[in-house]
Amino acid sequence: PTTADLLWANAGPRWQRAMDVFATLVLLFVVTVHTYCLFDKVASTYQANISTFSLRLPTWPLFAVAWLRDAAAVLLIGVRTWRLIFQPEALARAADLARPVE
């Protein structure tokens, strides 16, 4: 286990929630910056009219698909962050429902 796992496992519920919120906010920031940079890549490859070598297919649609995936991730992480901060009981219920039946 990592140091963060050991800290989280030995912390009280209030500190565990604080660590969860902090980690999710950091993740949201990093993925948002990556999505912004990837959009710049889509725009630059579109403007430069870059294509594949053999078939001369434009490459910007491939980058656009990757950008859409990242944009969806930002949206989902944003929803998770909102729920983690303002509706923590909803996430606790979802975790209880996801437990396997023994």
PDB file of N, CA and C in Angstrom:
ATOM      1  N   PRO A   1       0.825  -1.194   0.000  1.00  0.00           N
ATOM      2  CA  PRO A   1       0.000   0.000   0.000  1.00  0.00           C
ATOM      3  C   PRO A   1       0.874   1.265   0.000  1.00  0.00           C
ATOM      4  N   THR A   2       0.336   2.314  -0.569  1.00  0.00           N
ATOM      5  CA  THR A   2       1.058   3.577  -0.604  1.00  0.00           C
ATOM      6  C   THR A   2       0.852   4.335   0.700  1.00  0.00           C
ATOM      7  N   THR A   3       1.633   5.388   0.858  1.00  0.00           N
ATOM      8  CA  THR A   3       1.514   6.206   2.067  1.00  0.00           C
ATOM      9  C   THR A   3       0.128   6.826   2.162  1.00  0.00           C
ATOM     10  N   ALA A   4      -0.409   7.271   1.020  1.00  0.00           N
ATOM     11  CA  ALA A   4      -1.750   7.864   1.033  1.00  0.00           C
ATOM     12  C   ALA A   4      -2.788   6.847   1.485  1.00  0.00           C
ATOM     13  N   ASP A   5      -2.663   5.606   1.041  1.00  0.00           N
ATOM     14  CA  ASP A   5      -3.601   4.560   1.466  1.00  0.00           C
ATOM     15  C   ASP A   5      -3.508   4.333   2.969  1.00  0.00           C
ATOM     16  N   LEU A   6      -2.290   4.306   3.485  1.00  0.00           N
ATOM     17  CA  LEU A   6      -2.109   4.097   4.922  1.00  0.00           C
ATOM     18  C   LEU A   6      -2.680   5.261   5.725  1.00  0.00           C
ATOM     19  N   LEU A   7      -2.472   6.486   5.232  1.00  0.00           N
ATOM     20  CA  LEU A   7      -3.036   7.648   5.919  1.00  0.00           C
ATOM     21  C   LEU A   7      -4.564   7.595   5.891  1.00  0.00           C
ATOM     22  N   TRP A   8      -5.135   7.291   4.739  1.00  0.00           N
ATOM     23  CA  TRP A   8      -6.581   7.273   4.599  1.00  0.00           C
ATOM     24  C   TRP A   8      -7.192   6.182   5.483  1.00  0.00           C
ATOM     25  N   ALA A   9      -6.576   5.009   5.516  1.00  0.00           N
ATOM     26  CA  ALA A   9      -7.111   3.889   6.289  1.00  0.00           C
ATOM     27  C   ALA A   9      -7.086   4.166   7.794  1.00  0.00           C
ATOM     28  N   ASN A  10      -6.132   4.954   8.234  1.00  0.00           N
ATOM     29  CA  ASN A  10      -6.006   5.240   9.670  1.00  0.00           C
ATOM     30  C   ASN A  10      -6.629   6.565  10.083  1.00  0.00           C
ATOM     31  N   ALA A  11      -7.234   7.268   9.154  1.00  0.00           N
ATOM     32  CA  ALA A  11      -7.873   8.550   9.471  1.00  0.00           C
ATOM     33  C   ALA A  11      -9.331   8.324   9.849  1.00  0.00           C
ATOM     34  N   GLY A  12      -9.884   9.308  10.509  1.00  0.00           N
ATOM     35  CA  GLY A  12     -11.304   9.266  10.842  1.00  0.00           C
ATOM     36  C   GLY A  12     -12.149   9.571   9.615  1.00  0.00           C
ATOM     37  N   PRO A  13     -13.448   9.360   9.705  1.00  0.00           N
ATOM     38  CA  PRO A  13     -14.331   9.588   8.552  1.00  0.00           C
ATOM     39  C   PRO A  13     -14.267  11.018   8.009  1.00  0.00           C
ATOM     40  N   ARG A  14     -14.138  11.990   8.887  1.00  0.00           N
ATOM     41  CA  ARG A  14     -14.073  13.392   8.438  1.00  0.00           C
ATOM     42  C   ARG A  14     -12.815  13.647   7.617  1.00  0.00           C
ATOM     43  N   TRP A  15     -11.667  13.129   8.076  1.00  0.00           N
ATOM     44  CA  TRP A  15     -10.412  13.303   7.334  1.00  0.00           C
ATOM     45  C   TRP A  15     -10.400  12.476   6.057  1.00  0.00           C
ATOM     46  N   GLN A  16     -11.028  11.301   6.093  1.00  0.00           N
ATOM     47  CA  GLN A  16     -11.131  10.501   4.867  1.00  0.00           C
ATOM     48  C   GLN A  16     -11.900  11.262   3.800  1.00  0.00           C
ATOM     49  N   ARG A  17     -12.996  11.888   4.194  1.00  0.00           N
ATOM     50  CA  ARG A  17     -13.789  12.663   3.237  1.00  0.00           C
ATOM     51  C   ARG A  17     -12.998  13.847   2.722  1.00  0.00           C
ATOM     52  N   ALA A  18     -12.248  14.519   3.598  1.00  0.00           N
ATOM     53  CA  ALA A  18     -11.423  15.653   3.171  1.00  0.00           C
ATOM     54  C   ALA A  18     -10.371  15.206   2.156  1.00  0.00           C
ATOM     55  N   MET A  19      -9.748  14.055   2.401  1.00  0.00           N
ATOM     56  CA  MET A  19      -8.754  13.538   1.458  1.00  0.00           C
ATOM     57  C   MET A  19      -9.410  13.158   0.131  1.00  0.00           C
ATOM     58  N   ASP A  20     -10.609  12.579   0.190  1.00  0.00           N
ATOM     59  CA  ASP A  20     -11.328  12.227  -1.031  1.00  0.00           C
ATOM     60  C   ASP A  20     -11.657  13.468  -1.858  1.00  0.00           C
ATOM     61  N   VAL A  21     -12.139  14.511  -1.191  1.00  0.00           N
ATOM     62  CA  VAL A  21     -12.475  15.755  -1.888  1.00  0.00           C
ATOM     63  C   VAL A  21     -11.220  16.366  -2.509  1.00  0.00           C
ATOM     64  N   PHE A  22     -10.125  16.428  -1.753  1.00  0.00           N
ATOM     65  CA  PHE A  22      -8.886  16.990  -2.266  1.00  0.00           C
ATOM     66  C   PHE A  22      -8.386  16.205  -3.478  1.00  0.00           C
ATOM     67  N   ALA A  23      -8.380  14.895  -3.374  1.00  0.00           N
ATOM     68  CA  ALA A  23      -7.893  14.064  -4.481  1.00  0.00           C
ATOM     69  C   ALA A  23      -8.767  14.227  -5.723  1.00  0.00           C
ATOM     70  N   THR A  24     -10.067  14.320  -5.537  1.00  0.00           N
ATOM     71  CA  THR A  24     -10.964  14.483  -6.672  1.00  0.00           C
ATOM     72  C   THR A  24     -10.806  15.853  -7.313  1.00  0.00           C
ATOM     73  N   LEU A  25     -10.583  16.887  -6.508  1.00  0.00           N
ATOM     74  CA  LEU A  25     -10.346  18.222  -7.057  1.00  0.00           C
ATOM     75  C   LEU A  25      -9.039  18.275  -7.849  1.00  0.00           C
ATOM     76  N   VAL A  26      -8.002  17.617  -7.351  1.00  0.00           N
ATOM     77  CA  VAL A  26      -6.725  17.561  -8.085  1.00  0.00           C
ATOM     78  C   VAL A  26      -6.938  16.828  -9.405  1.00  0.00           C
ATOM     79  N   LEU A  27      -7.641  15.704  -9.370  1.00  0.00           N
ATOM     80  CA  LEU A  27      -7.930  14.958 -10.595  1.00  0.00           C
ATOM     81  C   LEU A  27      -8.716  15.812 -11.586  1.00  0.00           C
ATOM     82  N   LEU A  28      -9.718  16.535 -11.110  1.00  0.00           N
ATOM     83  CA  LEU A  28     -10.513  17.404 -11.981  1.00  0.00           C
ATOM     84  C   LEU A  28      -9.640  18.470 -12.626  1.00  0.00           C
ATOM     85  N   PHE A  29      -8.748  19.066 -11.863  1.00  0.00           N
ATOM     86  CA  PHE A  29      -7.845  20.091 -12.404  1.00  0.00           C
ATOM     87  C   PHE A  29      -6.937  19.514 -13.480  1.00  0.00           C
ATOM     88  N   VAL A  30      -6.316  18.384 -13.203  1.00  0.00           N
ATOM     89  CA  VAL A  30      -5.369  17.775 -14.138  1.00  0.00           C
ATOM     90  C   VAL A  30      -6.067  17.366 -15.438  1.00  0.00           C
ATOM     91  N   VAL A  31      -7.219  16.738 -15.328  1.00  0.00           N
ATOM     92  CA  VAL A  31      -7.925  16.292 -16.530  1.00  0.00           C
ATOM     93  C   VAL A  31      -8.458  17.493 -17.317  1.00  0.00           C
ATOM     94  N   THR A  32      -8.871  18.557 -16.630  1.00  0.00           N
ATOM     95  CA  THR A  32      -9.324  19.761 -17.319  1.00  0.00           C
ATOM     96  C   THR A  32      -8.184  20.403 -18.106  1.00  0.00           C
ATOM     97  N   VAL A  33      -7.008  20.497 -17.508  1.00  0.00           N
ATOM     98  CA  VAL A  33      -5.848  21.055 -18.220  1.00  0.00           C
ATOM     99  C   VAL A  33      -5.498  20.180 -19.416  1.00  0.00           C
ATOM    100  N   HIS A  34      -5.520  18.874 -19.238  1.00  0.00           N
ATOM    101  CA  HIS A  34      -5.223  17.962 -20.346  1.00  0.00           C
ATOM    102  C   HIS A  34      -6.239  18.124 -21.472  1.00  0.00           C
ATOM    103  N   THR A  35      -7.504  18.286 -21.131  1.00  0.00           N
ATOM    104  CA  THR A  35      -8.555  18.461 -22.131  1.00  0.00           C
ATOM    105  C   THR A  35      -8.352  19.766 -22.897  1.00  0.00           C
ATOM    106  N   TYR A  36      -7.979  20.819 -22.202  1.00  0.00           N
ATOM    107  CA  TYR A  36      -7.697  22.098 -22.854  1.00  0.00           C
ATOM    108  C   TYR A  36      -6.533  21.961 -23.835  1.00  0.00           C
ATOM    109  N   CYS A  37      -5.466  21.302 -23.403  1.00  0.00           N
ATOM    110  CA  CYS A  37      -4.302  21.112 -24.273  1.00  0.00           C
ATOM    111  C   CYS A  37      -4.644  20.236 -25.473  1.00  0.00           C
ATOM    112  N   LEU A  38      -5.463  19.242 -25.268  1.00  0.00           N
ATOM    113  CA  LEU A  38      -5.854  18.366 -26.367  1.00  0.00           C
ATOM    114  C   LEU A  38      -6.738  19.107 -27.366  1.00  0.00           C
ATOM    115  N   PHE A  39      -7.582  20.011 -26.896  1.00  0.00           N
ATOM    116  CA  PHE A  39      -8.374  20.824 -27.817  1.00  0.00           C
ATOM    117  C   PHE A  39      -7.466  21.691 -28.678  1.00  0.00           C
ATOM    118  N   ASP A  40      -6.407  22.227 -28.078  1.00  0.00           N
ATOM    119  CA  ASP A  40      -5.427  23.002 -28.846  1.00  0.00           C
ATOM    120  C   ASP A  40      -4.786  22.131 -29.924  1.00  0.00           C
ATOM    121  N   LYS A  41      -4.528  20.875 -29.607  1.00  0.00           N
ATOM    122  CA  LYS A  41      -3.958  19.939 -30.583  1.00  0.00           C
ATOM    123  C   LYS A  41      -4.950  19.679 -31.718  1.00  0.00           C
ATOM    124  N   VAL A  42      -6.218  19.533 -31.403  1.00  0.00           N
ATOM    125  CA  VAL A  42      -7.232  19.338 -32.438  1.00  0.00           C
ATOM    126  C   VAL A  42      -7.264  20.548 -33.368  1.00  0.00           C
ATOM    127  N   ALA A  43      -7.287  21.731 -32.791  1.00  0.00           N
ATOM    128  CA  ALA A  43      -7.347  22.948 -33.604  1.00  0.00           C
ATOM    129  C   ALA A  43      -6.102  23.119 -34.465  1.00  0.00           C
ATOM    130  N   SER A  44      -4.940  22.849 -33.889  1.00  0.00           N
ATOM    131  CA  SER A  44      -3.710  23.043 -34.662  1.00  0.00           C
ATOM    132  C   SER A  44      -3.566  22.019 -35.787  1.00  0.00           C
ATOM    133  N   THR A  45      -3.965  20.774 -35.554  1.00  0.00           N
ATOM    134  CA  THR A  45      -3.882  19.783 -36.630  1.00  0.00           C
ATOM    135  C   THR A  45      -4.927  20.069 -37.714  1.00  0.00           C
ATOM    136  N   TYR A  46      -6.063  20.614 -37.329  1.00  0.00           N
ATOM    137  CA  TYR A  46      -7.076  20.992 -38.314  1.00  0.00           C
ATOM    138  C   TYR A  46      -6.565  22.153 -39.181  1.00  0.00           C
ATOM    139  N   GLN A  47      -6.010  23.181 -38.527  1.00  0.00           N
ATOM    140  CA  GLN A  47      -5.517  24.350 -39.259  1.00  0.00           C
ATOM    141  C   GLN A  47      -4.323  24.014 -40.141  1.00  0.00           C
ATOM    142  N   ALA A  48      -3.471  23.097 -39.691  1.00  0.00           N
ATOM    143  CA  ALA A  48      -2.284  22.725 -40.463  1.00  0.00           C
ATOM    144  C   ALA A  48      -2.607  21.717 -41.561  1.00  0.00           C
ATOM    145  N   ASN A  49      -3.838  21.207 -41.551  1.00  0.00           N
ATOM    146  CA  ASN A  49      -4.271  20.229 -42.550  1.00  0.00           C
ATOM    147  C   ASN A  49      -3.332  19.019 -42.581  1.00  0.00           C
ATOM    148  N   ILE A  50      -3.016  18.500 -41.419  1.00  0.00           N
ATOM    149  CA  ILE A  50      -2.123  17.346 -41.302  1.00  0.00           C
ATOM    150  C   ILE A  50      -2.908  16.080 -41.650  1.00  0.00           C
ATOM    151  N   SER A  51      -2.290  15.230 -42.455  1.00  0.00           N
ATOM    152  CA  SER A  51      -2.950  13.992 -42.854  1.00  0.00           C
ATOM    153  C   SER A  51      -1.985  12.819 -42.717  1.00  0.00           C
ATOM    154  N   THR A  52      -2.548  11.614 -42.820  1.00  0.00           N
ATOM    155  CA  THR A  52      -1.711  10.419 -42.740  1.00  0.00           C
ATOM    156  C   THR A  52      -0.831  10.326 -43.983  1.00  0.00           C
ATOM    157  N   PHE A  53       0.245   9.589 -43.878  1.00  0.00           N
ATOM    158  CA  PHE A  53       1.230   9.529 -44.966  1.00  0.00           C
ATOM    159  C   PHE A  53       0.707   8.760 -46.169  1.00  0.00           C
ATOM    160  N   SER A  54       0.193   7.567 -45.944  1.00  0.00           N
ATOM    161  CA  SER A  54      -0.155   6.707 -47.082  1.00  0.00           C
ATOM    162  C   SER A  54      -1.522   7.016 -47.681  1.00  0.00           C
ATOM    163  N   LEU A  55      -2.542   7.204 -46.856  1.00  0.00           N
ATOM    164  CA  LEU A  55      -3.899   7.398 -47.379  1.00  0.00           C
ATOM    165  C   LEU A  55      -4.323   8.861 -47.454  1.00  0.00           C
ATOM    166  N   ARG A  56      -3.519   9.736 -46.921  1.00  0.00           N
ATOM    167  CA  ARG A  56      -3.820  11.172 -46.902  1.00  0.00           C
ATOM    168  C   ARG A  56      -5.148  11.486 -46.212  1.00  0.00           C
ATOM    169  N   LEU A  57      -5.432  10.738 -45.155  1.00  0.00           N
ATOM    170  CA  LEU A  57      -6.621  11.001 -44.351  1.00  0.00           C
ATOM    171  C   LEU A  57      -6.296  12.071 -43.319  1.00  0.00           C
ATOM    172  N   PRO A  58      -7.200  12.997 -43.074  1.00  0.00           N
ATOM    173  CA  PRO A  58      -6.936  14.014 -42.040  1.00  0.00           C
ATOM    174  C   PRO A  58      -6.857  13.366 -40.663  1.00  0.00           C
ATOM    175  N   THR A  59      -5.927  13.853 -39.840  1.00  0.00           N
ATOM    176  CA  THR A  59      -5.754  13.272 -38.507  1.00  0.00           C
ATOM    177  C   THR A  59      -6.561  13.988 -37.429  1.00  0.00           C
ATOM    178  N   TRP A  60      -7.048  15.184 -37.729  1.00  0.00           N
ATOM    179  CA  TRP A  60      -7.744  15.925 -36.684  1.00  0.00           C
ATOM    180  C   TRP A  60      -8.992  15.207 -36.161  1.00  0.00           C
ATOM    181  N   PRO A  61      -9.747  14.429 -36.962  1.00  0.00           N
ATOM    182  CA  PRO A  61     -10.903  13.734 -36.367  1.00  0.00           C
ATOM    183  C   PRO A  61     -10.507  12.725 -35.282  1.00  0.00           C
ATOM    184  N   LEU A  62      -9.335  12.135 -35.436  1.00  0.00           N
ATOM    185  CA  LEU A  62      -8.872  11.190 -34.412  1.00  0.00           C
ATOM    186  C   LEU A  62      -8.581  11.921 -33.104  1.00  0.00           C
ATOM    187  N   PHE A  63      -7.938  13.084 -33.223  1.00  0.00           N
ATOM    188  CA  PHE A  63      -7.702  13.891 -32.033  1.00  0.00           C
ATOM    189  C   PHE A  63      -9.016  14.405 -31.454  1.00  0.00           C
ATOM    190  N   ALA A  64      -9.984  14.700 -32.319  1.00  0.00           N
ATOM    191  CA  ALA A  64     -11.281  15.179 -31.840  1.00  0.00           C
ATOM    192  C   ALA A  64     -12.011  14.104 -31.032  1.00  0.00           C
ATOM    193  N   VAL A  65     -11.902  12.860 -31.457  1.00  0.00           N
ATOM    194  CA  VAL A  65     -12.519  11.764 -30.698  1.00  0.00           C
ATOM    195  C   VAL A  65     -11.864  11.650 -29.318  1.00  0.00           C
ATOM    196  N   ALA A  66     -10.546  11.777 -29.283  1.00  0.00           N
ATOM    197  CA  ALA A  66      -9.844  11.737 -27.992  1.00  0.00           C
ATOM    198  C   ALA A  66     -10.261  12.922 -27.125  1.00  0.00           C
ATOM    199  N   TRP A  67     -10.451  14.081 -27.734  1.00  0.00           N
ATOM    200  CA  TRP A  67     -10.876  15.256 -26.975  1.00  0.00           C
ATOM    201  C   TRP A  67     -12.282  15.048 -26.417  1.00  0.00           C
ATOM    202  N   LEU A  68     -13.182  14.465 -27.211  1.00  0.00           N
ATOM    203  CA  LEU A  68     -14.533  14.193 -26.720  1.00  0.00           C
ATOM    204  C   LEU A  68     -14.506  13.256 -25.517  1.00  0.00           C
ATOM    205  N   ARG A  69     -13.630  12.259 -25.577  1.00  0.00           N
ATOM    206  CA  ARG A  69     -13.480  11.341 -24.440  1.00  0.00           C
ATOM    207  C   ARG A  69     -13.015  12.102 -23.205  1.00  0.00           C
ATOM    208  N   ASP A  70     -12.037  12.984 -23.382  1.00  0.00           N
ATOM    209  CA  ASP A  70     -11.546  13.770 -22.250  1.00  0.00           C
ATOM    210  C   ASP A  70     -12.616  14.728 -21.728  1.00  0.00           C
ATOM    211  N   ALA A  71     -13.372  15.342 -22.636  1.00  0.00           N
ATOM    212  CA  ALA A  71     -14.434  16.255 -22.214  1.00  0.00           C
ATOM    213  C   ALA A  71     -15.497  15.507 -21.406  1.00  0.00           C
ATOM    214  N   ALA A  72     -15.814  14.282 -21.820  1.00  0.00           N
ATOM    215  CA  ALA A  72     -16.763  13.466 -21.060  1.00  0.00           C
ATOM    216  C   ALA A  72     -16.201  13.134 -19.677  1.00  0.00           C
ATOM    217  N   ALA A  73     -14.901  12.873 -19.613  1.00  0.00           N
ATOM    218  CA  ALA A  73     -14.271  12.581 -18.317  1.00  0.00           C
ATOM    219  C   ALA A  73     -14.340  13.797 -17.399  1.00  0.00           C
ATOM    220  N   VAL A  74     -14.115  14.991 -17.943  1.00  0.00           N
ATOM    221  CA  VAL A  74     -14.218  16.210 -17.130  1.00  0.00           C
ATOM    222  C   VAL A  74     -15.637  16.362 -16.596  1.00  0.00           C
ATOM    223  N   LEU A  75     -16.611  16.121 -17.446  1.00  0.00           N
ATOM    224  CA  LEU A  75     -18.003  16.221 -17.019  1.00  0.00           C
ATOM    225  C   LEU A  75     -18.314  15.222 -15.902  1.00  0.00           C
ATOM    226  N   LEU A  76     -17.905  13.977 -16.076  1.00  0.00           N
ATOM    227  CA  LEU A  76     -18.191  12.961 -15.058  1.00  0.00           C
ATOM    228  C   LEU A  76     -17.437  13.209 -13.757  1.00  0.00           C
ATOM    229  N   ILE A  77     -16.191  13.654 -13.857  1.00  0.00           N
ATOM    230  CA  ILE A  77     -15.433  13.967 -12.640  1.00  0.00           C
ATOM    231  C   ILE A  77     -16.045  15.180 -11.947  1.00  0.00           C
ATOM    232  N   GLY A  78     -16.545  16.133 -12.728  1.00  0.00           N
ATOM    233  CA  GLY A  78     -17.228  17.286 -12.139  1.00  0.00           C
ATOM    234  C   GLY A  78     -18.474  16.873 -11.382  1.00  0.00           C
ATOM    235  N   VAL A  79     -19.254  15.966 -11.957  1.00  0.00           N
ATOM    236  CA  VAL A  79     -20.456  15.466 -11.275  1.00  0.00           C
ATOM    237  C   VAL A  79     -20.062  14.735  -9.995  1.00  0.00           C
ATOM    238  N   ARG A  80     -19.024  13.908 -10.086  1.00  0.00           N
ATOM    239  CA  ARG A  80     -18.571  13.184  -8.893  1.00  0.00           C
ATOM    240  C   ARG A  80     -18.092  14.162  -7.813  1.00  0.00           C
ATOM    241  N   THR A  81     -17.371  15.193  -8.225  1.00  0.00           N
ATOM    242  CA  THR A  81     -16.890  16.188  -7.259  1.00  0.00           C
ATOM    243  C   THR A  81     -18.061  16.882  -6.589  1.00  0.00           C
ATOM    244  N   TRP A  82     -19.048  17.279  -7.379  1.00  0.00           N
ATOM    245  CA  TRP A  82     -20.244  17.933  -6.830  1.00  0.00           C
ATOM    246  C   TRP A  82     -20.926  17.025  -5.809  1.00  0.00           C
ATOM    247  N   ARG A  83     -21.114  15.770  -6.194  1.00  0.00           N
ATOM    248  CA  ARG A  83     -21.783  14.835  -5.291  1.00  0.00           C
ATOM    249  C   ARG A  83     -20.952  14.570  -4.042  1.00  0.00           C
ATOM    250  N   LEU A  84     -19.648  14.508  -4.198  1.00  0.00           N
ATOM    251  CA  LEU A  84     -18.772  14.248  -3.063  1.00  0.00           C
ATOM    252  C   LEU A  84     -18.817  15.399  -2.063  1.00  0.00           C
ATOM    253  N   ILE A  85     -18.918  16.628  -2.559  1.00  0.00           N
ATOM    254  CA  ILE A  85     -18.933  17.797  -1.675  1.00  0.00           C
ATOM    255  C   ILE A  85     -20.322  18.061  -1.110  1.00  0.00           C
ATOM    256  N   PHE A  86     -21.355  18.039  -1.983  1.00  0.00           N
ATOM    257  CA  PHE A  86     -22.681  18.488  -1.568  1.00  0.00           C
ATOM    258  C   PHE A  86     -23.677  17.370  -1.296  1.00  0.00           C
ATOM    259  N   GLN A  87     -23.397  16.147  -1.768  1.00  0.00           N
ATOM    260  CA  GLN A  87     -24.311  15.029  -1.538  1.00  0.00           C
ATOM    261  C   GLN A  87     -23.534  13.768  -1.161  1.00  0.00           C
ATOM    262  N   PRO A  88     -22.761  13.803  -0.099  1.00  0.00           N
ATOM    263  CA  PRO A  88     -21.948  12.631   0.237  1.00  0.00           C
ATOM    264  C   PRO A  88     -22.772  11.401   0.591  1.00  0.00           C
ATOM    265  N   GLU A  89     -23.978  11.608   1.079  1.00  0.00           N
ATOM    266  CA  GLU A  89     -24.814  10.454   1.434  1.00  0.00           C
ATOM    267  C   GLU A  89     -25.238   9.674   0.187  1.00  0.00           C
ATOM    268  N   ALA A  90     -25.363  10.346  -0.948  1.00  0.00           N
ATOM    269  CA  ALA A  90     -25.722   9.656  -2.192  1.00  0.00           C
ATOM    270  C   ALA A  90     -24.597   8.719  -2.635  1.00  0.00           C
ATOM    271  N   LEU A  91     -23.358   9.148  -2.477  1.00  0.00           N
ATOM    272  CA  LEU A  91     -22.230   8.290  -2.831  1.00  0.00           C
ATOM    273  C   LEU A  91     -22.107   7.122  -1.854  1.00  0.00           C
ATOM    274  N   ALA A  92     -22.417   7.361  -0.587  1.00  0.00           N
ATOM    275  CA  ALA A  92     -22.349   6.281   0.405  1.00  0.00           C
ATOM    276  C   ALA A  92     -23.406   5.216   0.092  1.00  0.00           C
ATOM    277  N   ARG A  93     -24.604   5.647  -0.314  1.00  0.00           N
ATOM    278  CA  ARG A  93     -25.655   4.701  -0.684  1.00  0.00           C
ATOM    279  C   ARG A  93     -25.261   3.906  -1.920  1.00  0.00           C
ATOM    280  N   ALA A  94     -24.647   4.588  -2.900  1.00  0.00           N
ATOM    281  CA  ALA A  94     -24.216   3.910  -4.126  1.00  0.00           C
ATOM    282  C   ALA A  94     -23.139   2.868  -3.819  1.00  0.00           C
ATOM    283  N   ALA A  95     -22.253   3.181  -2.886  1.00  0.00           N
ATOM    284  CA  ALA A  95     -21.217   2.219  -2.498  1.00  0.00           C
ATOM    285  C   ALA A  95     -21.823   1.012  -1.796  1.00  0.00           C
ATOM    286  N   ASP A  96     -22.858   1.240  -0.992  1.00  0.00           N
ATOM    287  CA  ASP A  96     -23.530   0.117  -0.331  1.00  0.00           C
ATOM    288  C   ASP A  96     -24.238  -0.784  -1.341  1.00  0.00           C
ATOM    289  N   LEU A  97     -24.810  -0.185  -2.372  1.00  0.00           N
ATOM    290  CA  LEU A  97     -25.511  -0.970  -3.384  1.00  0.00           C
ATOM    291  C   LEU A  97     -24.541  -1.785  -4.243  1.00  0.00           C
ATOM    292  N   ALA A  98     -23.317  -1.296  -4.369  1.00  0.00           N
ATOM    293  CA  ALA A  98     -22.334  -1.965  -5.230  1.00  0.00           C
ATOM    294  C   ALA A  98     -21.626  -3.121  -4.543  1.00  0.00           C
ATOM    295  N   ARG A  99     -21.849  -3.310  -3.256  1.00  0.00           N
ATOM    296  CA  ARG A  99     -21.178  -4.401  -2.539  1.00  0.00           C
ATOM    297  C   ARG A  99     -21.707  -5.746  -3.014  1.00  0.00           C
ATOM    298  N   PRO A 100     -20.837  -6.725  -3.148  1.00  0.00           N
ATOM    299  CA  PRO A 100     -21.297  -8.041  -3.580  1.00  0.00           C
ATOM    300  C   PRO A 100     -22.115  -8.739  -2.493  1.00  0.00           C
ATOM    301  N   VAL A 101     -23.035  -9.547  -2.930  1.00  0.00           N
ATOM    302  CA  VAL A 101     -23.867 -10.333  -2.001  1.00  0.00           C
ATOM    303  C   VAL A 101     -23.087 -11.582  -1.632  1.00  0.00           C
ATOM    304  N   GLU A 102     -23.025 -11.861  -0.350  1.00  0.00           N
ATOM    305  CA  GLU A 102     -22.274 -13.032   0.102  1.00  0.00           C
ATOM    306  C   GLU A 102     -23.216 -14.131   0.554  1.00  0.00           C
TER     307      GLU A 102
END
